[in-house]
Protein backbone atom coordinates (compact mmCIF):
# COMPACT_ATOMS: atom_id res chain seq x y z
CA MET A 1 -33.52 3.46 -9.00
CA ILE A 2 -30.75 0.84 -8.96
CA ALA A 3 -30.14 1.33 -12.68
CA GLU A 4 -29.72 5.08 -12.15
CA ILE A 5 -27.20 4.59 -9.35
CA LEU A 6 -25.20 2.06 -11.39
CA ASN A 7 -25.35 4.38 -14.39
CA ILE A 8 -23.92 7.25 -12.31
CA LEU A 9 -21.19 5.04 -10.82
CA ILE A 10 -20.12 3.75 -14.23
CA THR A 11 -20.08 7.29 -15.60
CA LEU A 12 -17.91 8.42 -12.69
CA VAL A 13 -15.46 5.56 -13.28
CA MET A 14 -15.26 6.39 -17.00
CA THR A 15 -14.64 10.05 -16.13
CA ALA A 16 -11.85 9.08 -13.73
CA ILE A 17 -10.25 6.93 -16.44
CA LEU A 18 -10.42 9.82 -18.94
CA ILE A 19 -8.94 12.26 -16.43
CA ARG A 20 -6.13 9.81 -15.68
CA ALA A 21 -5.39 9.36 -19.38
CA LEU A 22 -5.33 13.12 -19.99
CA LEU A 23 -3.10 13.77 -16.99
CA SER A 24 -0.68 11.10 -18.16
CA PHE A 25 0.00 13.38 -21.14
CA ILE A 26 -0.23 16.76 -19.38
CA VAL A 27 1.99 16.14 -16.34
CA PRO A 28 5.10 15.06 -18.32
CA ILE A 29 4.71 18.04 -20.67
CA MET A 30 4.93 20.40 -17.68
CA GLY A 31 8.58 19.45 -17.19
CA ASN A 32 10.53 18.69 -14.03
CA GLN A 33 8.21 20.61 -11.71
CA PRO A 34 4.54 20.07 -12.59
CA HIS A 35 2.00 21.83 -10.43
CA PRO A 36 1.53 19.93 -7.13
CA ILE A 37 -2.25 19.93 -7.52
CA LEU A 38 -1.97 18.18 -10.89
CA VAL A 39 0.34 15.59 -9.38
CA SER A 40 -2.07 15.06 -6.47
CA VAL A 41 -5.05 14.68 -8.79
CA GLN A 42 -3.09 12.24 -10.93
CA ASP A 43 -2.17 10.17 -7.86
CA VAL A 44 -5.83 9.99 -6.80
CA MET A 45 -6.93 8.99 -10.31
CA ILE A 46 -4.27 6.27 -10.40
CA GLN A 47 -5.46 4.89 -7.06
CA LEU A 48 -9.09 4.92 -8.21
CA THR A 49 -8.58 3.40 -11.64
CA GLU A 50 -5.67 1.00 -11.18
CA PRO A 51 -7.87 -1.87 -9.88
CA ILE A 52 -9.76 -1.72 -13.19
CA LEU A 53 -6.86 -1.06 -15.55
CA ALA A 54 -4.19 -3.39 -14.12
CA PRO A 55 -5.98 -6.66 -15.00
CA LEU A 56 -6.60 -5.37 -18.53
CA ARG A 57 -2.94 -4.42 -18.92
CA ARG A 58 -1.94 -7.99 -18.11
CA VAL A 59 -3.97 -9.43 -20.99
CA LEU A 60 -3.61 -6.68 -23.61
CA PRO A 61 -0.61 -6.67 -25.92
CA THR A 62 1.83 -3.77 -25.71
CA VAL A 63 1.55 -1.24 -28.52
CA GLY A 64 4.73 0.79 -28.34
CA ALA A 65 4.55 3.36 -25.56
CA PHE A 66 0.74 3.50 -25.63
CA ASP A 67 -1.41 1.97 -22.93
CA LEU A 68 -4.62 0.71 -24.51
CA SER A 69 -6.18 -0.41 -21.23
CA PRO A 70 -8.08 2.88 -20.59
CA MET A 71 -9.74 2.69 -24.00
CA VAL A 72 -10.65 -0.98 -23.57
CA ALA A 73 -11.96 -0.33 -20.05
CA ILE A 74 -14.18 2.50 -21.26
CA ILE A 75 -15.56 0.33 -24.08
CA ILE A 76 -16.32 -2.47 -21.61
CA LEU A 77 -17.95 -0.01 -19.21
CA ILE A 78 -20.10 1.45 -22.00
CA VAL A 79 -21.29 -2.05 -22.95
CA ILE A 80 -22.06 -2.85 -19.30
CA GLN A 81 -23.83 0.48 -18.92
CA ARG A 82 -26.01 -0.14 -21.98
CA VAL A 83 -26.90 -3.66 -20.81
CA ILE A 84 -27.80 -2.44 -17.32
CA ILE A 85 -29.98 0.37 -18.61
CA THR A 86 -31.90 -1.89 -20.96
CA ARG A 87 -32.29 -4.72 -18.42
CA LEU A 88 -33.29 -2.76 -15.32
């Protein structure tokens, strides 16, 4: 039961990180006036994922204009998810 709940929570966090990463490419492409719903969704995703990504950004090296923290966070979450599922 606990493993299932943690599995769902980790999956939701990974989904939020992916949505944030996708929106970081989509919103700038839309030009000066992106759709307000997209901007609102992006703001929510930033608020949800920033506590996870900010500490990673501090320790990861900068690679040009690319932010590698979402990819590293997802890899860490997958490892945690696999450990939890096998242990519980």
